Amino acid sequence: MATVALDSKRTKQPMKIRINRRGWAVLVGVPVFILTIAAAFLVTMFTSDAQASSNLPTGVETVAVTVIQGDSLWALAREYATGYDVDVAIEHIAEINALDSSEIRVGDTLEIPVLAN
């Protein structure tokens, strides 16, 4: 720790700060490093070929079916999910409608996947 002796005969003069090589390296090097990183970021941001897609994602086309008395997942899959294997269609129906079991109730509306024509 540096100490300063106060001398009453000395006039008030601002203290001179001396910077050594390491000080100059930090004083100049840190801002240059930060500006270099910022410039590299801006250059890559504006010259990148990556672009967001303008196409909307396509999902599974479905048809809404209201369950009536006597309906089962197997019968609905066989009737509406044409082009699908019945077992696979039942799995898709359960997944799309967040069904925990194969039980369905009268009045429920189910989304059933269909193949696009």
N, C-alpha and C. Protein backbone atom coordinates (compact mmCIF):
# COMPACT_ATOMS: atom_id res chain seq x y z
N MET A 1 0.85 -1.18 0.00
CA MET A 1 0.00 0.00 0.00
C MET A 1 0.89 1.23 0.00
N ALA A 2 0.55 2.16 -0.81
CA ALA A 2 1.35 3.38 -0.90
C ALA A 2 0.88 4.37 0.15
N THR A 3 1.84 5.05 0.71
CA THR A 3 1.49 6.10 1.68
C THR A 3 1.99 7.43 1.16
N VAL A 4 1.30 8.45 1.52
CA VAL A 4 1.67 9.79 1.08
C VAL A 4 1.94 10.62 2.33
N ALA A 5 3.10 11.18 2.38
CA ALA A 5 3.42 12.04 3.52
C ALA A 5 2.95 13.45 3.18
N LEU A 6 2.24 14.03 4.11
CA LEU A 6 1.74 15.38 3.89
C LEU A 6 2.79 16.38 4.34
N ASP A 7 3.12 17.24 3.44
CA ASP A 7 4.10 18.29 3.74
C ASP A 7 3.37 19.61 3.62
N SER A 8 3.37 20.37 4.64
CA SER A 8 2.62 21.62 4.64
C SER A 8 3.26 22.65 3.74
N LYS A 9 4.53 22.48 3.38
CA LYS A 9 5.22 23.45 2.54
C LYS A 9 4.94 23.22 1.06
N ARG A 10 4.47 22.06 0.72
CA ARG A 10 4.21 21.76 -0.69
C ARG A 10 2.90 22.40 -1.12
N THR A 11 2.88 22.89 -2.30
CA THR A 11 1.64 23.42 -2.85
C THR A 11 0.82 22.26 -3.38
N LYS A 12 -0.43 22.47 -3.48
CA LYS A 12 -1.31 21.41 -3.99
C LYS A 12 -1.07 21.24 -5.48
N GLN A 13 -0.59 20.09 -5.83
CA GLN A 13 -0.38 19.74 -7.23
C GLN A 13 -1.12 18.44 -7.49
N PRO A 14 -1.71 18.34 -8.66
CA PRO A 14 -2.37 17.07 -8.95
C PRO A 14 -1.32 15.96 -9.05
N MET A 15 -1.69 14.81 -8.55
CA MET A 15 -0.78 13.67 -8.60
C MET A 15 -0.66 13.17 -10.04
N LYS A 16 0.53 12.86 -10.42
CA LYS A 16 0.74 12.32 -11.76
C LYS A 16 0.61 10.81 -11.69
N ILE A 17 -0.10 10.27 -12.65
CA ILE A 17 -0.28 8.83 -12.72
C ILE A 17 0.62 8.31 -13.82
N ARG A 18 1.40 7.31 -13.48
CA ARG A 18 2.27 6.70 -14.46
C ARG A 18 1.71 5.33 -14.78
N ILE A 19 1.63 5.03 -16.06
CA ILE A 19 1.11 3.74 -16.49
C ILE A 19 2.25 2.94 -17.10
N ASN A 20 2.44 1.72 -16.60
CA ASN A 20 3.49 0.86 -17.15
C ASN A 20 2.96 0.11 -18.37
N ARG A 21 3.77 -0.79 -18.94
CA ARG A 21 3.36 -1.52 -20.15
C ARG A 21 2.11 -2.35 -19.92
N ARG A 22 2.04 -3.02 -18.80
CA ARG A 22 0.87 -3.84 -18.52
C ARG A 22 -0.38 -2.96 -18.41
N GLY A 23 -0.26 -1.81 -17.82
CA GLY A 23 -1.38 -0.88 -17.72
C GLY A 23 -1.86 -0.41 -19.08
N TRP A 24 -0.90 -0.09 -19.98
CA TRP A 24 -1.26 0.33 -21.33
C TRP A 24 -1.92 -0.82 -22.08
N ALA A 25 -1.42 -2.03 -21.86
CA ALA A 25 -2.01 -3.19 -22.54
C ALA A 25 -3.46 -3.37 -22.11
N VAL A 26 -3.72 -3.20 -20.84
CA VAL A 26 -5.10 -3.33 -20.35
C VAL A 26 -5.94 -2.15 -20.82
N LEU A 27 -5.41 -0.95 -20.69
CA LEU A 27 -6.14 0.26 -21.06
C LEU A 27 -6.52 0.29 -22.53
N VAL A 28 -5.65 -0.21 -23.39
CA VAL A 28 -5.91 -0.21 -24.82
C VAL A 28 -6.47 -1.57 -25.27
N GLY A 29 -5.96 -2.64 -24.73
CA GLY A 29 -6.31 -3.97 -25.19
C GLY A 29 -7.75 -4.37 -24.92
N VAL A 30 -8.27 -4.05 -23.75
CA VAL A 30 -9.64 -4.45 -23.41
C VAL A 30 -10.67 -3.79 -24.35
N PRO A 31 -10.63 -2.47 -24.54
CA PRO A 31 -11.59 -1.88 -25.48
C PRO A 31 -11.43 -2.40 -26.92
N VAL A 32 -10.20 -2.62 -27.36
CA VAL A 32 -9.97 -3.14 -28.71
C VAL A 32 -10.56 -4.55 -28.82
N PHE A 33 -10.36 -5.38 -27.79
CA PHE A 33 -10.92 -6.73 -27.79
C PHE A 33 -12.44 -6.68 -27.85
N ILE A 34 -13.08 -5.85 -27.06
CA ILE A 34 -14.54 -5.74 -27.03
C ILE A 34 -15.07 -5.24 -28.38
N LEU A 35 -14.42 -4.25 -28.95
CA LEU A 35 -14.85 -3.74 -30.26
C LEU A 35 -14.66 -4.79 -31.35
N THR A 36 -13.61 -5.60 -31.28
CA THR A 36 -13.39 -6.66 -32.26
C THR A 36 -14.49 -7.71 -32.18
N ILE A 37 -14.85 -8.11 -30.98
CA ILE A 37 -15.92 -9.09 -30.80
C ILE A 37 -17.25 -8.53 -31.32
N ALA A 38 -17.55 -7.28 -31.00
CA ALA A 38 -18.79 -6.66 -31.46
C ALA A 38 -18.82 -6.56 -32.98
N ALA A 39 -17.70 -6.18 -33.58
CA ALA A 39 -17.64 -6.08 -35.05
C ALA A 39 -17.82 -7.45 -35.69
N ALA A 40 -17.19 -8.48 -35.13
CA ALA A 40 -17.34 -9.83 -35.68
C ALA A 40 -18.79 -10.29 -35.57
N PHE A 41 -19.44 -10.00 -34.45
CA PHE A 41 -20.84 -10.35 -34.27
C PHE A 41 -21.72 -9.66 -35.32
N LEU A 42 -21.52 -8.36 -35.50
CA LEU A 42 -22.33 -7.62 -36.48
C LEU A 42 -22.10 -8.10 -37.90
N VAL A 43 -20.85 -8.38 -38.24
CA VAL A 43 -20.54 -8.85 -39.59
C VAL A 43 -21.21 -10.20 -39.84
N THR A 44 -21.10 -11.13 -38.90
CA THR A 44 -21.71 -12.44 -39.11
C THR A 44 -23.23 -12.36 -39.09
N MET A 45 -23.77 -11.43 -38.32
CA MET A 45 -25.23 -11.30 -38.27
C MET A 45 -25.80 -10.82 -39.61
N PHE A 46 -25.12 -9.88 -40.24
CA PHE A 46 -25.65 -9.31 -41.47
C PHE A 46 -25.22 -10.06 -42.73
N THR A 47 -24.20 -10.90 -42.64
CA THR A 47 -23.76 -11.64 -43.83
C THR A 47 -24.17 -13.10 -43.81
N SER A 48 -24.89 -13.53 -42.79
CA SER A 48 -25.29 -14.93 -42.68
C SER A 48 -26.37 -15.26 -43.70
N ASP A 49 -26.27 -16.47 -44.28
CA ASP A 49 -27.26 -16.92 -45.25
C ASP A 49 -28.47 -17.56 -44.59
N ALA A 50 -28.40 -17.79 -43.30
CA ALA A 50 -29.51 -18.44 -42.60
C ALA A 50 -30.71 -17.50 -42.55
N GLN A 51 -31.85 -18.02 -42.93
CA GLN A 51 -33.07 -17.23 -42.93
C GLN A 51 -34.21 -18.07 -42.39
N ALA A 52 -35.18 -17.41 -41.81
CA ALA A 52 -36.36 -18.10 -41.32
C ALA A 52 -37.20 -18.55 -42.52
N SER A 53 -37.84 -19.65 -42.37
CA SER A 53 -38.67 -20.17 -43.44
C SER A 53 -39.95 -19.36 -43.55
N SER A 54 -40.36 -19.10 -44.76
CA SER A 54 -41.62 -18.37 -44.95
C SER A 54 -42.79 -19.34 -45.09
N ASN A 55 -42.48 -20.63 -45.16
CA ASN A 55 -43.54 -21.63 -45.27
C ASN A 55 -44.05 -22.00 -43.89
N LEU A 56 -45.35 -22.13 -43.78
CA LEU A 56 -45.93 -22.57 -42.53
C LEU A 56 -45.72 -24.08 -42.38
N PRO A 57 -45.47 -24.55 -41.15
CA PRO A 57 -45.28 -25.98 -40.99
C PRO A 57 -46.57 -26.73 -41.28
N THR A 58 -46.43 -27.85 -41.90
CA THR A 58 -47.61 -28.65 -42.20
C THR A 58 -47.74 -29.74 -41.16
N GLY A 59 -48.91 -29.87 -40.62
CA GLY A 59 -49.17 -30.89 -39.62
C GLY A 59 -50.00 -32.00 -40.21
N VAL A 60 -50.54 -32.78 -39.35
CA VAL A 60 -51.39 -33.87 -39.77
C VAL A 60 -52.78 -33.32 -40.04
N GLU A 61 -53.34 -33.64 -41.20
CA GLU A 61 -54.69 -33.20 -41.50
C GLU A 61 -55.66 -34.08 -40.72
N THR A 62 -56.63 -33.45 -40.06
CA THR A 62 -57.58 -34.20 -39.24
C THR A 62 -59.01 -33.83 -39.60
N VAL A 63 -59.93 -34.68 -39.16
CA VAL A 63 -61.35 -34.41 -39.29
C VAL A 63 -61.96 -34.55 -37.90
N ALA A 64 -62.83 -33.62 -37.51
CA ALA A 64 -63.46 -33.65 -36.20
C ALA A 64 -64.70 -34.55 -36.26
N VAL A 65 -64.78 -35.50 -35.34
CA VAL A 65 -65.89 -36.45 -35.30
C VAL A 65 -66.46 -36.45 -33.89
N THR A 66 -67.78 -36.32 -33.78
CA THR A 66 -68.45 -36.40 -32.49
C THR A 66 -68.86 -37.84 -32.23
N VAL A 67 -68.51 -38.34 -31.06
CA VAL A 67 -68.77 -39.74 -30.70
C VAL A 67 -70.26 -39.92 -30.42
N ILE A 68 -70.84 -40.97 -31.02
CA ILE A 68 -72.24 -41.32 -30.77
C ILE A 68 -72.29 -42.70 -30.12
N GLN A 69 -73.45 -43.08 -29.68
CA GLN A 69 -73.63 -44.37 -29.01
C GLN A 69 -73.16 -45.51 -29.91
N GLY A 70 -72.34 -46.40 -29.38
CA GLY A 70 -71.86 -47.56 -30.12
C GLY A 70 -70.53 -47.35 -30.83
N ASP A 71 -69.99 -46.13 -30.83
CA ASP A 71 -68.69 -45.87 -31.47
C ASP A 71 -67.56 -46.41 -30.61
N SER A 72 -66.52 -46.84 -31.27
CA SER A 72 -65.28 -47.25 -30.60
C SER A 72 -64.12 -46.65 -31.38
N LEU A 73 -62.96 -46.59 -30.75
CA LEU A 73 -61.79 -46.06 -31.46
C LEU A 73 -61.49 -46.89 -32.71
N TRP A 74 -61.66 -48.20 -32.60
CA TRP A 74 -61.38 -49.06 -33.74
C TRP A 74 -62.32 -48.75 -34.89
N ALA A 75 -63.63 -48.60 -34.58
CA ALA A 75 -64.60 -48.32 -35.64
C ALA A 75 -64.37 -46.95 -36.26
N LEU A 76 -64.06 -45.95 -35.43
CA LEU A 76 -63.80 -44.60 -35.96
C LEU A 76 -62.53 -44.59 -36.82
N ALA A 77 -61.50 -45.29 -36.35
CA ALA A 77 -60.26 -45.35 -37.13
C ALA A 77 -60.48 -46.05 -38.46
N ARG A 78 -61.26 -47.11 -38.45
CA ARG A 78 -61.53 -47.86 -39.68
C ARG A 78 -62.33 -47.02 -40.66
N GLU A 79 -63.30 -46.23 -40.14
CA GLU A 79 -64.18 -45.46 -41.01
C GLU A 79 -63.53 -44.18 -41.53
N TYR A 80 -62.85 -43.43 -40.66
CA TYR A 80 -62.37 -42.10 -41.05
C TYR A 80 -60.90 -42.04 -41.42
N ALA A 81 -60.07 -42.85 -40.81
CA ALA A 81 -58.63 -42.79 -41.05
C ALA A 81 -58.25 -43.68 -42.22
N THR A 82 -58.85 -43.44 -43.35
CA THR A 82 -58.56 -44.26 -44.53
C THR A 82 -57.13 -44.02 -44.97
N GLY A 83 -56.50 -45.07 -45.39
CA GLY A 83 -55.11 -44.98 -45.81
C GLY A 83 -54.14 -45.31 -44.70
N TYR A 84 -54.60 -45.36 -43.46
CA TYR A 84 -53.77 -45.73 -42.32
C TYR A 84 -54.06 -47.16 -41.93
N ASP A 85 -53.07 -47.81 -41.35
CA ASP A 85 -53.31 -49.09 -40.69
C ASP A 85 -54.16 -48.78 -39.46
N VAL A 86 -55.15 -49.61 -39.17
CA VAL A 86 -56.11 -49.32 -38.10
C VAL A 86 -55.41 -49.18 -36.75
N ASP A 87 -54.46 -50.07 -36.45
CA ASP A 87 -53.75 -50.00 -35.17
C ASP A 87 -52.93 -48.72 -35.05
N VAL A 88 -52.27 -48.34 -36.14
CA VAL A 88 -51.49 -47.10 -36.15
C VAL A 88 -52.43 -45.89 -36.02
N ALA A 89 -53.56 -45.94 -36.71
CA ALA A 89 -54.53 -44.84 -36.63
C ALA A 89 -55.06 -44.68 -35.21
N ILE A 90 -55.31 -45.79 -34.52
CA ILE A 90 -55.78 -45.71 -33.13
C ILE A 90 -54.74 -45.04 -32.25
N GLU A 91 -53.47 -45.38 -32.44
CA GLU A 91 -52.39 -44.74 -31.68
C GLU A 91 -52.33 -43.24 -31.97
N HIS A 92 -52.49 -42.85 -33.24
CA HIS A 92 -52.47 -41.43 -33.62
C HIS A 92 -53.67 -40.70 -33.01
N ILE A 93 -54.84 -41.32 -33.04
CA ILE A 93 -56.03 -40.68 -32.47
C ILE A 93 -55.82 -40.46 -30.96
N ALA A 94 -55.30 -41.46 -30.29
CA ALA A 94 -55.05 -41.33 -28.84
C ALA A 94 -54.02 -40.24 -28.56
N GLU A 95 -52.99 -40.15 -29.38
CA GLU A 95 -51.96 -39.14 -29.19
C GLU A 95 -52.49 -37.73 -29.47
N ILE A 96 -53.19 -37.56 -30.58
CA ILE A 96 -53.71 -36.24 -30.95
C ILE A 96 -54.71 -35.72 -29.93
N ASN A 97 -55.55 -36.61 -29.41
CA ASN A 97 -56.61 -36.21 -28.49
C ASN A 97 -56.23 -36.38 -27.02
N ALA A 98 -54.97 -36.73 -26.74
CA ALA A 98 -54.45 -36.90 -25.38
C ALA A 98 -55.33 -37.87 -24.58
N LEU A 99 -55.61 -39.02 -25.17
CA LEU A 99 -56.41 -40.04 -24.50
C LEU A 99 -55.48 -40.94 -23.69
N ASP A 100 -55.88 -41.21 -22.42
CA ASP A 100 -55.09 -42.09 -21.58
C ASP A 100 -55.45 -43.55 -21.79
N SER A 101 -56.67 -43.80 -22.26
CA SER A 101 -57.11 -45.17 -22.49
C SER A 101 -57.93 -45.20 -23.77
N SER A 102 -58.44 -46.38 -24.10
CA SER A 102 -59.23 -46.50 -25.33
C SER A 102 -60.71 -46.18 -25.09
N GLU A 103 -61.05 -45.77 -23.87
CA GLU A 103 -62.44 -45.42 -23.57
C GLU A 103 -62.77 -44.05 -24.13
N ILE A 104 -63.90 -43.98 -24.82
CA ILE A 104 -64.41 -42.69 -25.30
C ILE A 104 -65.85 -42.57 -24.84
N ARG A 105 -66.31 -41.33 -24.67
CA ARG A 105 -67.67 -41.10 -24.17
C ARG A 105 -68.52 -40.47 -25.26
N VAL A 106 -69.80 -40.77 -25.19
CA VAL A 106 -70.76 -40.18 -26.13
C VAL A 106 -70.74 -38.67 -25.95
N GLY A 107 -70.64 -37.95 -27.06
CA GLY A 107 -70.61 -36.49 -27.04
C GLY A 107 -69.21 -35.91 -27.15
N ASP A 108 -68.17 -36.74 -26.91
CA ASP A 108 -66.79 -36.27 -27.09
C ASP A 108 -66.55 -35.96 -28.57
N THR A 109 -65.74 -34.95 -28.81
CA THR A 109 -65.32 -34.65 -30.18
C THR A 109 -63.87 -35.05 -30.32
N LEU A 110 -63.60 -35.93 -31.25
CA LEU A 110 -62.25 -36.42 -31.49
C LEU A 110 -61.72 -35.93 -32.82
N GLU A 111 -60.43 -35.62 -32.84
CA GLU A 111 -59.75 -35.29 -34.09
C GLU A 111 -59.15 -36.58 -34.61
N ILE A 112 -59.51 -36.95 -35.83
CA ILE A 112 -59.04 -38.20 -36.42
C ILE A 112 -58.16 -37.86 -37.64
N PRO A 113 -56.93 -38.41 -37.69
CA PRO A 113 -56.04 -38.11 -38.79
C PRO A 113 -56.53 -38.74 -40.10
N VAL A 114 -56.38 -37.99 -41.16
CA VAL A 114 -56.71 -38.51 -42.49
C VAL A 114 -55.55 -38.20 -43.42
N LEU A 115 -55.34 -39.04 -44.39
CA LEU A 115 -54.30 -38.77 -45.38
C LEU A 115 -54.78 -37.73 -46.35
N ALA A 116 -53.91 -36.79 -46.69
CA ALA A 116 -54.27 -35.74 -47.65
C ALA A 116 -54.44 -36.38 -49.02
N ASN A 117 -55.46 -35.94 -49.73
CA ASN A 117 -55.71 -36.49 -51.06
C ASN A 117 -54.84 -35.84 -52.10
